[in-house]
């Protein structure tokens, strides 16, 4: 579906449902359809404001809801942080990997998963209308950072252990030396 068709679909939806066609709505439409990934409402607001579009946060949220209702935008709750939005690409479906550490979202397409879903629906006599697959875990970047931090922590723990061991050895040596000196003093006094 070409962008002009999507715009016309949005205009028809607005008119058919008694909503006004405003310049703010059209600028928001243009902005979200210029994005090539997931975007949250705050990022969208910031992007519009950088382009000197006078639009309120409430207007952004209301119009995102309208775009979702008319089927041109999908809203995903990816992770615990926030909702993300993306414009719909008709006939193209993808799923998501979501990092629970940094919130990074990776889109993927798997013909194997799609075939399995069709098979499962057919086996249960189920007619699917849509689906969402989100796999939550830790991304490579966060895993590597965690390993580096763990290595640093292990080194720090090891350094601390060596330092504690050195102090303990030093303390024992001091006690031994003090004990030996005390023994000599006792010998001298008793002599």
C-alpha atoms as a PDB file:
ATOM      1  CA  UNK A   1       0.000   0.000   0.000  1.00  0.00           C
ATOM      2  CA  UNK A   2       1.568   3.302  -1.025  1.00  0.00           C
ATOM      3  CA  UNK A   3       1.866   6.120   1.485  1.00  0.00           C
ATOM      4  CA  UNK A   4      -0.788   8.136  -0.371  1.00  0.00           C
ATOM      5  CA  UNK A   5      -3.233   5.240  -0.029  1.00  0.00           C
ATOM      6  CA  UNK A   6      -2.512   5.013   3.688  1.00  0.00           C
ATOM      7  CA  UNK A   7      -3.026   8.759   4.045  1.00  0.00           C
ATOM      8  CA  UNK A   8      -6.342   8.527   2.166  1.00  0.00           C
ATOM      9  CA  UNK A   9      -7.408   5.638   4.384  1.00  0.00           C
ATOM     10  CA  UNK A  10      -6.646   7.763   7.473  1.00  0.00           C
ATOM     11  CA  UNK A  11      -8.558  10.745   6.052  1.00  0.00           C
ATOM     12  CA  UNK A  12     -11.587   8.524   5.295  1.00  0.00           C
ATOM     13  CA  UNK A  13     -11.410   7.034   8.779  1.00  0.00           C
ATOM     14  CA  UNK A  14     -11.341  10.483  10.373  1.00  0.00           C
ATOM     15  CA  UNK A  15     -14.287  11.769   8.326  1.00  0.00           C
ATOM     16  CA  UNK A  16     -16.337   8.572   8.680  1.00  0.00           C
ATOM     17  CA  UNK A  17     -15.934   8.720  12.463  1.00  0.00           C
ATOM     18  CA  UNK A  18     -16.668  12.414  12.900  1.00  0.00           C
ATOM     19  CA  UNK A  19     -13.101  13.588  13.523  1.00  0.00           C
ATOM     20  CA  UNK A  20     -11.716  16.795  12.065  1.00  0.00           C
ATOM     21  CA  UNK A  21      -8.805  16.693   9.645  1.00  0.00           C
ATOM     22  CA  UNK A  22      -6.216  18.996  11.223  1.00  0.00           C
ATOM     23  CA  UNK A  23      -2.698  19.949  10.239  1.00  0.00           C
ATOM     24  CA  UNK A  24      -1.407  18.451  13.521  1.00  0.00           C
ATOM     25  CA  UNK A  25      -2.992  15.079  12.695  1.00  0.00           C
ATOM     26  CA  UNK A  26      -1.505  15.094   9.218  1.00  0.00           C
ATOM     27  CA  UNK A  27       1.952  16.106  10.479  1.00  0.00           C
ATOM     28  CA  UNK A  28       1.829  13.327  13.068  1.00  0.00           C
ATOM     29  CA  UNK A  29       0.757  10.870  10.357  1.00  0.00           C
ATOM     30  CA  UNK A  30       3.664  11.978   8.147  1.00  0.00           C
ATOM     31  CA  UNK A  31       6.123  11.713  11.029  1.00  0.00           C
ATOM     32  CA  UNK A  32       5.162   8.220  12.122  1.00  0.00           C
ATOM     33  CA  UNK A  33       5.179   6.989   8.541  1.00  0.00           C
ATOM     34  CA  UNK A  34       8.641   8.461   8.007  1.00  0.00           C
ATOM     35  CA  UNK A  35       9.972   6.270  10.835  1.00  0.00           C
ATOM     36  CA  UNK A  36      11.420   2.857  10.006  1.00  0.00           C
ATOM     37  CA  UNK A  37      11.117   1.111  13.304  1.00  0.00           C
ATOM     38  CA  UNK A  38       9.477   1.325  16.678  1.00  0.00           C
ATOM     39  CA  UNK A  39       8.913   4.690  18.279  1.00  0.00           C
ATOM     40  CA  UNK A  40       7.298   5.694  21.538  1.00  0.00           C
ATOM     41  CA  UNK A  41       4.963   8.653  21.952  1.00  0.00           C
ATOM     42  CA  UNK A  42       7.590  10.770  23.696  1.00  0.00           C
ATOM     43  CA  UNK A  43      10.103  10.231  20.882  1.00  0.00           C
ATOM     44  CA  UNK A  44       7.413  11.113  18.363  1.00  0.00           C
ATOM     45  CA  UNK A  45       6.547  14.298  20.274  1.00  0.00           C
ATOM     46  CA  UNK A  46      10.217  15.256  20.482  1.00  0.00           C
ATOM     47  CA  UNK A  47      10.732  14.620  16.769  1.00  0.00           C
ATOM     48  CA  UNK A  48       7.726  16.789  15.876  1.00  0.00           C
ATOM     49  CA  UNK A  49       8.861  19.570  18.182  1.00  0.00           C
ATOM     50  CA  UNK A  50      12.336  19.493  16.607  1.00  0.00           C
ATOM     51  CA  UNK A  51      10.580  20.180  13.301  1.00  0.00           C
ATOM     52  CA  UNK A  52       8.849  23.105  15.040  1.00  0.00           C
ATOM     53  CA  UNK A  53       5.406  21.519  14.902  1.00  0.00           C
ATOM     54  CA  UNK A  54       3.263  22.946  17.684  1.00  0.00           C
ATOM     55  CA  UNK A  55       1.573  19.883  19.111  1.00  0.00           C
ATOM     56  CA  UNK A  56       0.728  18.805  22.640  1.00  0.00           C
ATOM     57  CA  UNK A  57       1.531  15.506  24.294  1.00  0.00           C
ATOM     58  CA  UNK A  58      -2.209  14.805  24.645  1.00  0.00           C
ATOM     59  CA  UNK A  59      -2.731  15.374  20.910  1.00  0.00           C
ATOM     60  CA  UNK A  60       0.065  12.921  20.105  1.00  0.00           C
ATOM     61  CA  UNK A  61      -1.459  10.218  22.316  1.00  0.00           C
ATOM     62  CA  UNK A  62      -5.021  10.795  21.056  1.00  0.00           C
ATOM     63  CA  UNK A  63      -3.937  10.615  17.437  1.00  0.00           C
ATOM     64  CA  UNK A  64      -1.806   7.549  17.968  1.00  0.00           C
ATOM     65  CA  UNK A  65      -4.945   5.906  19.364  1.00  0.00           C
ATOM     66  CA  UNK A  66      -6.842   6.927  16.212  1.00  0.00           C
ATOM     67  CA  UNK A  67      -4.108   5.482  13.975  1.00  0.00           C
ATOM     68  CA  UNK A  68      -4.233   2.237  15.959  1.00  0.00           C
ATOM     69  CA  UNK A  69      -8.060   2.112  15.760  1.00  0.00           C
ATOM     70  CA  UNK A  70      -8.037   2.541  11.994  1.00  0.00           C
ATOM     71  CA  UNK A  71      -5.431  -0.217  11.624  1.00  0.00           C
ATOM     72  CA  UNK A  72      -2.567   1.811  10.169  1.00  0.00           C
ATOM     73  CA  UNK A  73      -0.383   1.650  13.277  1.00  0.00           C
ATOM     74  CA  UNK A  74       0.287  -1.143  15.757  1.00  0.00           C
ATOM     75  CA  UNK A  75       0.850  -0.560  19.440  1.00  0.00           C
ATOM     76  CA  UNK A  76       3.116  -3.029  21.207  1.00  0.00           C
ATOM     77  CA  UNK A  77       3.872  -3.310  24.868  1.00  0.00           C
ATOM     78  CA  UNK A  78       7.440  -4.436  24.468  1.00  0.00           C
ATOM     79  CA  UNK A  79       8.969  -4.887  27.859  1.00  0.00           C
ATOM     80  CA  UNK A  80       7.886  -3.246  31.057  1.00  0.00           C
ATOM     81  CA  UNK A  81       8.844   0.269  30.137  1.00  0.00           C
ATOM     82  CA  UNK A  82       6.369   1.635  27.626  1.00  0.00           C
ATOM     83  CA  UNK A  83       4.260   1.171  24.532  1.00  0.00           C
ATOM     84  CA  UNK A  84       5.973   1.361  21.182  1.00  0.00           C
ATOM     85  CA  UNK A  85       4.277   2.149  17.897  1.00  0.00           C
ATOM     86  CA  UNK A  86       5.057   1.174  14.338  1.00  0.00           C
ATOM     87  CA  UNK A  87       3.243   1.711  11.096  1.00  0.00           C
ATOM     88  CA  UNK A  88       1.698  -1.372   9.554  1.00  0.00           C
ATOM     89  CA  UNK A  89       3.211  -2.863   6.432  1.00  0.00           C
ATOM     90  CA  UNK A  90       0.326  -4.774   4.823  1.00  0.00           C
ATOM     91  CA  UNK A  91       1.184  -8.380   4.062  1.00  0.00           C
ATOM     92  CA  UNK A  92       4.382  -8.207   6.098  1.00  0.00           C
ATOM     93  CA  UNK A  93       4.453  -9.739   9.535  1.00  0.00           C
ATOM     94  CA  UNK A  94       7.321  -9.857  11.979  1.00  0.00           C
ATOM     95  CA  UNK A  95       7.848 -10.819  15.586  1.00  0.00           C
ATOM     96  CA  UNK A  96       9.992  -9.308  18.321  1.00  0.00           C
ATOM     97  CA  UNK A  97      12.922 -10.095  20.591  1.00  0.00           C
ATOM     98  CA  UNK A  98      12.878  -7.753  23.588  1.00  0.00           C
ATOM     99  CA  UNK A  99      15.864  -7.191  25.869  1.00  0.00           C
ATOM    100  CA  UNK A 100      14.722  -7.030  29.480  1.00  0.00           C
ATOM    101  CA  UNK A 101      17.876  -5.109  30.449  1.00  0.00           C
ATOM    102  CA  UNK A 102      18.119  -2.224  27.958  1.00  0.00           C
ATOM    103  CA  UNK A 103      14.718  -2.391  26.222  1.00  0.00           C
ATOM    104  CA  UNK A 104      16.232  -2.985  22.778  1.00  0.00           C
ATOM    105  CA  UNK A 105      13.760  -4.482  20.293  1.00  0.00           C
ATOM    106  CA  UNK A 106      14.815  -6.723  17.421  1.00  0.00           C
ATOM    107  CA  UNK A 107      12.350  -7.581  14.670  1.00  0.00           C
ATOM    108  CA  UNK A 108      12.605 -10.969  13.015  1.00  0.00           C
ATOM    109  CA  UNK A 109      10.730 -13.008  10.445  1.00  0.00           C
ATOM    110  CA  UNK A 110      10.655 -16.789  10.646  1.00  0.00           C
ATOM    111  CA  UNK A 111       8.870 -18.824   7.983  1.00  0.00           C
ATOM    112  CA  UNK A 112       9.189 -21.830  10.310  1.00  0.00           C
ATOM    113  CA  UNK A 113       7.283 -20.081  13.104  1.00  0.00           C
ATOM    114  CA  UNK A 114       4.644 -18.868  10.637  1.00  0.00           C
ATOM    115  CA  UNK A 115       4.175 -22.399   9.260  1.00  0.00           C
ATOM    116  CA  UNK A 116       3.913 -23.817  12.781  1.00  0.00           C
ATOM    117  CA  UNK A 117       1.226 -21.269  13.685  1.00  0.00           C
ATOM    118  CA  UNK A 118      -0.802 -22.199  10.594  1.00  0.00           C
ATOM    119  CA  UNK A 119      -0.441 -25.898  11.451  1.00  0.00           C
ATOM    120  CA  UNK A 120      -1.504 -25.365  15.082  1.00  0.00           C
ATOM    121  CA  UNK A 121      -4.531 -23.293  14.062  1.00  0.00           C
ATOM    122  CA  UNK A 122      -5.575 -25.872  11.473  1.00  0.00           C
ATOM    123  CA  UNK A 123      -5.197 -28.737  13.995  1.00  0.00           C
ATOM    124  CA  UNK A 124      -7.531 -26.933  16.405  1.00  0.00           C
ATOM    125  CA  UNK A 125      -9.995 -25.657  13.791  1.00  0.00           C
ATOM    126  CA  UNK A 126      -9.048 -22.121  14.671  1.00  0.00           C
ATOM    127  CA  UNK A 127      -9.282 -19.182  12.272  1.00  0.00           C
ATOM    128  CA  UNK A 128      -6.600 -16.660  13.324  1.00  0.00           C
ATOM    129  CA  UNK A 129      -7.110 -12.959  12.803  1.00  0.00           C
ATOM    130  CA  UNK A 130      -3.735 -11.814  14.111  1.00  0.00           C
ATOM    131  CA  UNK A 131      -1.012 -12.770  16.535  1.00  0.00           C
ATOM    132  CA  UNK A 132       1.893 -11.298  18.430  1.00  0.00           C
ATOM    133  CA  UNK A 133       5.041 -13.146  19.388  1.00  0.00           C
ATOM    134  CA  UNK A 134       7.434 -11.480  21.789  1.00  0.00           C
ATOM    135  CA  UNK A 135      10.458 -13.286  23.130  1.00  0.00           C
ATOM    136  CA  UNK A 136      11.944 -11.676  26.221  1.00  0.00           C
ATOM    137  CA  UNK A 137      15.561 -12.154  27.244  1.00  0.00           C
ATOM    138  CA  UNK A 138      18.933 -10.435  27.339  1.00  0.00           C
ATOM    139  CA  UNK A 139      20.575  -9.128  24.166  1.00  0.00           C
ATOM    140  CA  UNK A 140      24.172  -9.825  23.178  1.00  0.00           C
ATOM    141  CA  UNK A 141      25.329  -6.332  24.122  1.00  0.00           C
ATOM    142  CA  UNK A 142      23.881  -6.549  27.645  1.00  0.00           C
ATOM    143  CA  UNK A 143      25.202 -10.105  28.066  1.00  0.00           C
ATOM    144  CA  UNK A 144      28.710  -8.946  27.116  1.00  0.00           C
ATOM    145  CA  UNK A 145      28.486  -5.931  29.414  1.00  0.00           C
ATOM    146  CA  UNK A 146      27.290  -8.186  32.235  1.00  0.00           C
ATOM    147  CA  UNK A 147      30.207 -10.573  31.636  1.00  0.00           C
ATOM    148  CA  UNK A 148      32.659  -7.674  31.637  1.00  0.00           C
ATOM    149  CA  UNK A 149      31.177  -6.337  34.879  1.00  0.00           C
ATOM    150  CA  UNK A 150      31.265  -9.836  36.335  1.00  0.00           C
ATOM    151  CA  UNK A 151      34.914 -10.211  35.322  1.00  0.00           C
ATOM    152  CA  UNK A 152      35.719  -6.839  36.878  1.00  0.00           C
ATOM    153  CA  UNK A 153      33.792  -7.814  40.031  1.00  0.00           C
ATOM    154  CA  UNK A 154      35.660 -11.137  40.149  1.00  0.00           C
ATOM    155  CA  UNK A 155      38.974  -9.300  39.790  1.00  0.00           C
ATOM    156  CA  UNK A 156      37.991  -6.810  42.479  1.00  0.00           C
ATOM    157  CA  UNK A 157      36.911  -9.666  44.766  1.00  0.00           C
ATOM    158  CA  UNK A 158      40.187 -11.474  44.072  1.00  0.00           C
ATOM    159  CA  UNK A 159      42.197  -8.301  44.705  1.00  0.00           C
ATOM    160  CA  UNK A 160      40.240  -7.729  47.923  1.00  0.00           C
ATOM    161  CA  UNK A 161      40.848 -11.341  48.976  1.00  0.00           C
ATOM    162  CA  UNK A 162      44.593 -10.986  48.317  1.00  0.00           C
ATOM    163  CA  UNK A 163      44.639  -7.691  50.221  1.00  0.00           C
ATOM    164  CA  UNK A 164      42.725  -9.248  53.134  1.00  0.00           C
ATOM    165  CA  UNK A 165      45.063 -12.273  53.059  1.00  0.00           C
ATOM    166  CA  UNK A 166      48.109  -9.993  53.026  1.00  0.00           C
ATOM    167  CA  UNK A 167      46.761  -8.035  56.013  1.00  0.00           C
ATOM    168  CA  UNK A 168      46.004 -11.274  57.859  1.00  0.00           C
ATOM    169  CA  UNK A 169      49.479 -12.635  57.115  1.00  0.00           C
ATOM    170  CA  UNK A 170      50.998  -9.303  58.196  1.00  0.00           C
ATOM    171  CA  UNK A 171      48.956  -9.350  61.413  1.00  0.00           C
ATOM    172  CA  UNK A 172      50.114 -12.903  62.222  1.00  0.00           C
ATOM    173  CA  UNK A 173      53.707 -11.925  61.475  1.00  0.00           C
ATOM    174  CA  UNK A 174      53.378  -8.886  63.741  1.00  0.00           C
ATOM    175  CA  UNK A 175      51.905 -11.029  66.501  1.00  0.00           C
ATOM    176  CA  UNK A 176      54.691 -13.571  66.112  1.00  0.00           C
ATOM    177  CA  UNK A 177      57.360 -10.847  66.221  1.00  0.00           C
ATOM    178  CA  UNK A 178      55.662  -9.202  69.225  1.00  0.00           C
ATOM    179  CA  UNK A 179      55.415 -12.598  70.942  1.00  0.00           C
ATOM    180  CA  UNK A 180      59.089 -13.282  70.296  1.00  0.00           C
ATOM    181  CA  UNK A 181      60.090  -9.878  71.665  1.00  0.00           C
ATOM    182  CA  UNK A 182      57.890 -10.371  74.721  1.00  0.00           C
ATOM    183  CA  UNK A 183      59.529 -13.754  75.278  1.00  0.00           C
ATOM    184  CA  UNK A 184      63.003 -12.155  75.125  1.00  0.00           C
ATOM    185  CA  UNK A 185      61.888  -9.513  77.605  1.00  0.00           C
ATOM    186  CA  UNK A 186      60.608 -12.184  79.949  1.00  0.00           C
ATOM    187  CA  UNK A 187      63.890 -14.044  79.645  1.00  0.00           C
ATOM    188  CA  UNK A 188      65.855 -10.871  80.400  1.00  0.00           C
ATOM    189  CA  UNK A 189      63.708 -10.028  83.413  1.00  0.00           C
ATOM    190  CA  UNK A 190      63.994 -13.531  84.855  1.00  0.00           C
ATOM    191  CA  UNK A 191      67.706 -13.797  84.239  1.00  0.00           C
END
